[in-house]
Amino acid sequence: MNHSSTLNQQVTSMTPVSKITFRSLALSDIPLMHHWFNLPHVRKFYSLRSWTEEEVLEKFKPYILGEKPISGFIVLADKNQIAYIQTCKIAGYRSWGNQNLSEEIIKNSAGLDIFIGEKSMIGKGLGGKIMQEFIENKIRPEFQYCVVDPDIKNTAAIRCYEKLHFKEHTLTETVDALDQPVTLKLMILKRRHNS
């Protein structure tokens, strides 16, 4: 089943995106997530390998059912599904424990992760627009800080975060999901007092 052919036709013929919205990830999104997870540009820094649909279901079902402290969303650009974004409260989420964060930041932070699934939408400045909308509407109402940790080789993501005023906090040597060495750049965005 080719989920992207119709969508790619819709998306590539779109005028510049005027509205970004977020819809909670649902079990019905698993085929789309499976498709996106196996695209080369998503595999490069996000999914890292080939995935079966069953593996994608195993990964995301706990988020969808509220069994893990991660909230996932499908990103819509003028009603077209183009990306995935997720967030979690840093406090109590064990994978952030090795990042040299102060207690204040841990208690008042949300982590953020994103990928643009539709290849035709890459390089159009949408990553920043998506994140700005998401931070304003989903993170800032509750949290003082937003934290990201891109692979240092993901220069496009790092540039996007820098444009949004994320500041480097530290570099962390770790291993990725495939147990390969990776260096992550922890970056933090602090809410301005007037926001």
C-alpha atoms as a PDB file:
ATOM      1  CA  MET A   1       0.000   0.000   0.000  1.00  0.00           C
ATOM      2  CA  ASN A   2       1.528   3.345  -1.021  1.00  0.00           C
ATOM      3  CA  HIS A   3       0.381   5.919   1.510  1.00  0.00           C
ATOM      4  CA  SER A   4       2.462   8.742   0.165  1.00  0.00           C
ATOM      5  CA  SER A   5       1.660   8.825  -3.549  1.00  0.00           C
ATOM      6  CA  THR A   6      -1.702  10.573  -3.184  1.00  0.00           C
ATOM      7  CA  LEU A   7      -0.430  12.725  -0.335  1.00  0.00           C
ATOM      8  CA  ASN A   8       2.694  13.701  -2.244  1.00  0.00           C
ATOM      9  CA  GLN A   9       0.533  14.828  -5.155  1.00  0.00           C
ATOM     10  CA  GLN A  10      -1.588  16.916  -2.773  1.00  0.00           C
ATOM     11  CA  VAL A  11       1.374  18.342  -0.877  1.00  0.00           C
ATOM     12  CA  THR A  12       3.569  19.228  -3.844  1.00  0.00           C
ATOM     13  CA  SER A  13       0.718  21.112  -5.473  1.00  0.00           C
ATOM     14  CA  MET A  14      -0.027  23.080  -2.292  1.00  0.00           C
ATOM     15  CA  THR A  15       0.609  26.755  -2.000  1.00  0.00           C
ATOM     16  CA  PRO A  16       2.738  27.752   1.011  1.00  0.00           C
ATOM     17  CA  VAL A  17       1.376  26.254   4.225  1.00  0.00           C
ATOM     18  CA  SER A  18      -0.962  28.593   6.031  1.00  0.00           C
ATOM     19  CA  LYS A  19      -2.077  26.445   8.969  1.00  0.00           C
ATOM     20  CA  ILE A  20      -0.261  23.875  11.097  1.00  0.00           C
ATOM     21  CA  THR A  21      -2.353  21.686  13.407  1.00  0.00           C
ATOM     22  CA  PHE A  22      -1.721  18.647  15.589  1.00  0.00           C
ATOM     23  CA  ARG A  23      -3.811  15.512  15.972  1.00  0.00           C
ATOM     24  CA  SER A  24      -3.118  12.916  18.654  1.00  0.00           C
ATOM     25  CA  LEU A  25      -1.491   9.786  17.287  1.00  0.00           C
ATOM     26  CA  ALA A  26      -4.029   6.960  16.872  1.00  0.00           C
ATOM     27  CA  LEU A  27      -3.813   3.254  16.113  1.00  0.00           C
ATOM     28  CA  SER A  28      -5.147   4.055  12.640  1.00  0.00           C
ATOM     29  CA  ASP A  29      -1.896   6.009  12.019  1.00  0.00           C
ATOM     30  CA  ILE A  30       0.322   2.915  12.331  1.00  0.00           C
ATOM     31  CA  PRO A  31       0.397   2.190   8.553  1.00  0.00           C
ATOM     32  CA  LEU A  32       1.426   5.806   7.884  1.00  0.00           C
ATOM     33  CA  MET A  33       4.088   5.710  10.619  1.00  0.00           C
ATOM     34  CA  HIS A  34       5.352   2.398   9.205  1.00  0.00           C
ATOM     35  CA  HIS A  35       5.653   4.000   5.774  1.00  0.00           C
ATOM     36  CA  TRP A  36       7.460   7.059   7.141  1.00  0.00           C
ATOM     37  CA  PHE A  37       9.782   5.006   9.387  1.00  0.00           C
ATOM     38  CA  ASN A  38      11.105   3.164   6.334  1.00  0.00           C
ATOM     39  CA  LEU A  39      11.882   6.245   4.229  1.00  0.00           C
ATOM     40  CA  PRO A  40      15.633   6.948   3.896  1.00  0.00           C
ATOM     41  CA  HIS A  41      15.435  10.528   5.210  1.00  0.00           C
ATOM     42  CA  VAL A  42      13.577   9.381   8.368  1.00  0.00           C
ATOM     43  CA  ARG A  43      15.838   6.369   8.875  1.00  0.00           C
ATOM     44  CA  LYS A  44      18.944   8.563   8.750  1.00  0.00           C
ATOM     45  CA  PHE A  45      18.419  10.170  12.179  1.00  0.00           C
ATOM     46  CA  TYR A  46      15.127   8.884  13.590  1.00  0.00           C
ATOM     47  CA  SER A  47      14.092   5.291  12.942  1.00  0.00           C
ATOM     48  CA  LEU A  48      17.663   4.177  12.040  1.00  0.00           C
ATOM     49  CA  ARG A  49      16.699   0.842  10.415  1.00  0.00           C
ATOM     50  CA  SER A  50      13.951  -1.016   8.546  1.00  0.00           C
ATOM     51  CA  TRP A  51      10.808  -1.569  10.608  1.00  0.00           C
ATOM     52  CA  THR A  52       7.925  -3.988  10.188  1.00  0.00           C
ATOM     53  CA  GLU A  53       4.421  -2.680  10.774  1.00  0.00           C
ATOM     54  CA  GLU A  54       4.208  -4.906  13.859  1.00  0.00           C
ATOM     55  CA  GLU A  55       7.380  -3.305  15.296  1.00  0.00           C
ATOM     56  CA  VAL A  56       5.961   0.172  14.669  1.00  0.00           C
ATOM     57  CA  LEU A  57       2.753  -0.862  16.442  1.00  0.00           C
ATOM     58  CA  GLU A  58       4.776  -2.211  19.400  1.00  0.00           C
ATOM     59  CA  LYS A  59       6.677   1.080  19.635  1.00  0.00           C
ATOM     60  CA  PHE A  60       3.736   3.472  19.414  1.00  0.00           C
ATOM     61  CA  LYS A  61       0.839   1.553  20.969  1.00  0.00           C
ATOM     62  CA  PRO A  62       2.018   2.337  24.538  1.00  0.00           C
ATOM     63  CA  TYR A  63       2.098   6.072  23.653  1.00  0.00           C
ATOM     64  CA  ILE A  64      -1.383   5.899  22.131  1.00  0.00           C
ATOM     65  CA  LEU A  65      -2.840   3.995  25.097  1.00  0.00           C
ATOM     66  CA  GLY A  66      -1.134   6.245  27.673  1.00  0.00           C
ATOM     67  CA  GLU A  67       1.056   3.418  29.000  1.00  0.00           C
ATOM     68  CA  LYS A  68       4.246   5.458  28.493  1.00  0.00           C
ATOM     69  CA  PRO A  69       4.752   9.131  29.413  1.00  0.00           C
ATOM     70  CA  ILE A  70       5.094  10.183  25.766  1.00  0.00           C
ATOM     71  CA  SER A  71       2.444  12.056  23.780  1.00  0.00           C
ATOM     72  CA  GLY A  72       2.652  11.641  20.013  1.00  0.00           C
ATOM     73  CA  PHE A  73       0.988  13.783  17.361  1.00  0.00           C
ATOM     74  CA  ILE A  74       0.535  13.716  13.607  1.00  0.00           C
ATOM     75  CA  VAL A  75       1.331  17.144  12.172  1.00  0.00           C
ATOM     76  CA  LEU A  76      -1.073  18.483   9.574  1.00  0.00           C
ATOM     77  CA  ALA A  77      -0.213  21.251   7.142  1.00  0.00           C
ATOM     78  CA  ASP A  78      -3.471  22.622   5.793  1.00  0.00           C
ATOM     79  CA  LYS A  79      -5.088  19.255   6.685  1.00  0.00           C
ATOM     80  CA  ASN A  80      -2.365  17.172   4.955  1.00  0.00           C
ATOM     81  CA  GLN A  81      -0.427  14.726   7.169  1.00  0.00           C
ATOM     82  CA  ILE A  82       3.227  15.651   6.824  1.00  0.00           C
ATOM     83  CA  ALA A  83       5.129  14.933  10.043  1.00  0.00           C
ATOM     84  CA  TYR A  84       5.270  13.362  13.484  1.00  0.00           C
ATOM     85  CA  ILE A  85       6.110  15.145  16.727  1.00  0.00           C
ATOM     86  CA  GLN A  86       6.259  13.856  20.287  1.00  0.00           C
ATOM     87  CA  THR A  87       6.798  15.266  23.726  1.00  0.00           C
ATOM     88  CA  CYS A  88       7.350  13.972  27.231  1.00  0.00           C
ATOM     89  CA  LYS A  89       7.734  15.477  30.672  1.00  0.00           C
ATOM     90  CA  ILE A  90      11.447  15.222  31.516  1.00  0.00           C
ATOM     91  CA  ALA A  91      10.900  14.554  35.238  1.00  0.00           C
ATOM     92  CA  GLY A  92      10.552  10.828  35.684  1.00  0.00           C
ATOM     93  CA  TYR A  93      11.621   9.960  32.144  1.00  0.00           C
ATOM     94  CA  ARG A  94      14.767   7.927  32.693  1.00  0.00           C
ATOM     95  CA  SER A  95      16.558   8.450  29.368  1.00  0.00           C
ATOM     96  CA  TRP A  96      17.153  12.123  30.170  1.00  0.00           C
ATOM     97  CA  GLY A  97      18.984  11.286  33.407  1.00  0.00           C
ATOM     98  CA  ASN A  98      22.485  11.313  31.907  1.00  0.00           C
ATOM     99  CA  GLN A  99      22.266  14.789  30.397  1.00  0.00           C
ATOM    100  CA  ASN A 100      23.650  16.925  33.246  1.00  0.00           C
ATOM    101  CA  LEU A 101      20.411  18.854  33.768  1.00  0.00           C
ATOM    102  CA  SER A 102      19.741  20.896  36.899  1.00  0.00           C
ATOM    103  CA  GLU A 103      16.844  19.907  39.141  1.00  0.00           C
ATOM    104  CA  GLU A 104      15.008  23.111  38.111  1.00  0.00           C
ATOM    105  CA  ILE A 105      15.254  22.207  34.427  1.00  0.00           C
ATOM    106  CA  ILE A 106      14.279  18.571  35.027  1.00  0.00           C
ATOM    107  CA  LYS A 107      11.153  19.579  36.979  1.00  0.00           C
ATOM    108  CA  ASN A 108      10.061  22.252  34.496  1.00  0.00           C
ATOM    109  CA  SER A 109      10.931  20.760  31.091  1.00  0.00           C
ATOM    110  CA  ALA A 110       9.325  18.919  28.237  1.00  0.00           C
ATOM    111  CA  GLY A 111      11.403  16.953  25.766  1.00  0.00           C
ATOM    112  CA  LEU A 112      10.609  17.234  22.076  1.00  0.00           C
ATOM    113  CA  ASP A 113      11.316  15.053  19.049  1.00  0.00           C
ATOM    114  CA  ILE A 114      10.158  15.529  15.471  1.00  0.00           C
ATOM    115  CA  PHE A 115      10.566  14.261  11.945  1.00  0.00           C
ATOM    116  CA  ILE A 116       9.009  15.374   8.691  1.00  0.00           C
ATOM    117  CA  GLY A 117       7.668  12.246   7.037  1.00  0.00           C
ATOM    118  CA  GLU A 118       6.744  13.656   3.656  1.00  0.00           C
ATOM    119  CA  LYS A 119       9.998  14.114   1.755  1.00  0.00           C
ATOM    120  CA  SER A 120       8.483  16.778  -0.508  1.00  0.00           C
ATOM    121  CA  MET A 121       8.044  18.989   2.579  1.00  0.00           C
ATOM    122  CA  ILE A 122      11.719  18.958   3.613  1.00  0.00           C
ATOM    123  CA  GLY A 123      13.720  22.141   3.086  1.00  0.00           C
ATOM    124  CA  LYS A 124      10.695  24.431   3.089  1.00  0.00           C
ATOM    125  CA  GLY A 125      11.180  25.859   6.575  1.00  0.00           C
ATOM    126  CA  LEU A 126       8.332  23.802   7.976  1.00  0.00           C
ATOM    127  CA  GLY A 127      10.353  22.202  10.777  1.00  0.00           C
ATOM    128  CA  GLY A 128      10.714  25.551  12.503  1.00  0.00           C
ATOM    129  CA  LYS A 129       7.102  26.533  11.884  1.00  0.00           C
ATOM    130  CA  ILE A 130       5.865  23.196  13.239  1.00  0.00           C
ATOM    131  CA  MET A 131       8.039  23.426  16.335  1.00  0.00           C
ATOM    132  CA  GLN A 132       7.124  27.039  17.027  1.00  0.00           C
ATOM    133  CA  GLU A 133       3.396  26.202  16.867  1.00  0.00           C
ATOM    134  CA  PHE A 134       3.871  23.076  18.986  1.00  0.00           C
ATOM    135  CA  ILE A 135       5.952  24.817  21.639  1.00  0.00           C
ATOM    136  CA  GLU A 136       3.486  27.705  21.924  1.00  0.00           C
ATOM    137  CA  ASN A 137       0.376  25.513  22.051  1.00  0.00           C
ATOM    138  CA  LYS A 138       1.467  22.262  23.692  1.00  0.00           C
ATOM    139  CA  ILE A 139       4.597  22.950  25.755  1.00  0.00           C
ATOM    140  CA  ARG A 140       4.645  26.560  26.982  1.00  0.00           C
ATOM    141  CA  PRO A 141       1.280  26.468  28.708  1.00  0.00           C
ATOM    142  CA  GLU A 142       2.776  24.011  31.221  1.00  0.00           C
ATOM    143  CA  PHE A 143       6.578  24.024  30.994  1.00  0.00           C
ATOM    144  CA  GLN A 144       9.316  26.630  31.474  1.00  0.00           C
ATOM    145  CA  TYR A 145      11.857  24.785  29.298  1.00  0.00           C
ATOM    146  CA  CYS A 146      11.887  22.694  26.141  1.00  0.00           C
ATOM    147  CA  VAL A 147      14.743  20.229  25.622  1.00  0.00           C
ATOM    148  CA  VAL A 148      15.985  18.517  22.439  1.00  0.00           C
ATOM    149  CA  ASP A 149      18.991  16.269  21.803  1.00  0.00           C
ATOM    150  CA  PRO A 150      19.771  15.928  18.084  1.00  0.00           C
ATOM    151  CA  ASP A 151      22.641  13.858  16.729  1.00  0.00           C
ATOM    152  CA  ILE A 152      25.499  16.313  16.065  1.00  0.00           C
ATOM    153  CA  LYS A 153      25.546  15.078  12.460  1.00  0.00           C
ATOM    154  CA  ASN A 154      21.960  16.293  12.002  1.00  0.00           C
ATOM    155  CA  THR A 155      23.019  19.819  11.089  1.00  0.00           C
ATOM    156  CA  ALA A 156      19.652  20.734   9.558  1.00  0.00           C
ATOM    157  CA  ALA A 157      17.864  20.006  12.840  1.00  0.00           C
ATOM    158  CA  ILE A 158      20.489  21.882  14.857  1.00  0.00           C
ATOM    159  CA  ARG A 159      20.170  24.955  12.597  1.00  0.00           C
ATOM    160  CA  CYS A 160      16.394  24.814  12.993  1.00  0.00           C
ATOM    161  CA  TYR A 161      16.671  24.668  16.799  1.00  0.00           C
ATOM    162  CA  GLU A 162      19.176  27.534  16.832  1.00  0.00           C
ATOM    163  CA  LYS A 163      16.791  29.697  14.782  1.00  0.00           C
ATOM    164  CA  LEU A 164      14.168  29.045  17.455  1.00  0.00           C
ATOM    165  CA  HIS A 165      16.682  30.218  20.126  1.00  0.00           C
ATOM    166  CA  PHE A 166      17.544  26.832  21.611  1.00  0.00           C
ATOM    167  CA  LYS A 167      20.962  27.070  23.299  1.00  0.00           C
ATOM    168  CA  GLU A 168      23.553  24.309  23.540  1.00  0.00           C
ATOM    169  CA  HIS A 169      23.756  22.834  27.032  1.00  0.00           C
ATOM    170  CA  THR A 170      26.129  19.894  26.618  1.00  0.00           C
ATOM    171  CA  LEU A 171      27.342  17.152  24.308  1.00  0.00           C
ATOM    172  CA  THR A 172      26.635  13.576  25.368  1.00  0.00           C
ATOM    173  CA  GLU A 173      28.462  10.484  24.131  1.00  0.00           C
ATOM    174  CA  THR A 174      26.040   7.563  24.079  1.00  0.00           C
ATOM    175  CA  VAL A 175      24.786   4.780  21.810  1.00  0.00           C
ATOM    176  CA  ASP A 176      21.776   4.885  19.523  1.00  0.00           C
ATOM    177  CA  ALA A 177      18.995   2.287  19.240  1.00  0.00           C
ATOM    178  CA  LEU A 178      21.349   0.132  17.156  1.00  0.00           C
ATOM    179  CA  ASP A 179      24.078   0.330  19.840  1.00  0.00           C
ATOM    180  CA  GLN A 180      26.218   2.482  17.558  1.00  0.00           C
ATOM    181  CA  PRO A 181      28.238   5.333  19.117  1.00  0.00           C
ATOM    182  CA  VAL A 182      26.556   8.704  18.727  1.00  0.00           C
ATOM    183  CA  THR A 183      27.138  12.207  20.047  1.00  0.00           C
ATOM    184  CA  LEU A 184      24.004  14.107  20.981  1.00  0.00           C
ATOM    185  CA  LYS A 185      23.828  17.869  21.363  1.00  0.00           C
ATOM    186  CA  LEU A 186      21.519  18.711  24.248  1.00  0.00           C
ATOM    187  CA  MET A 187      19.837  22.047  23.563  1.00  0.00           C
ATOM    188  CA  ILE A 188      17.453  23.994  25.789  1.00  0.00           C
ATOM    189  CA  LEU A 189      14.875  26.661  25.051  1.00  0.00           C
ATOM    190  CA  LYS A 190      13.855  28.782  28.027  1.00  0.00           C
ATOM    191  CA  ARG A 191      10.510  30.540  28.023  1.00  0.00           C
ATOM    192  CA  ARG A 192      10.884  34.288  27.818  1.00  0.00           C
ATOM    193  CA  HIS A 193       9.340  36.160  30.733  1.00  0.00           C
ATOM    194  CA  ASN A 194       6.942  38.020  28.449  1.00  0.00           C
ATOM    195  CA  SER A 195       5.537  34.814  26.863  1.00  0.00           C
END
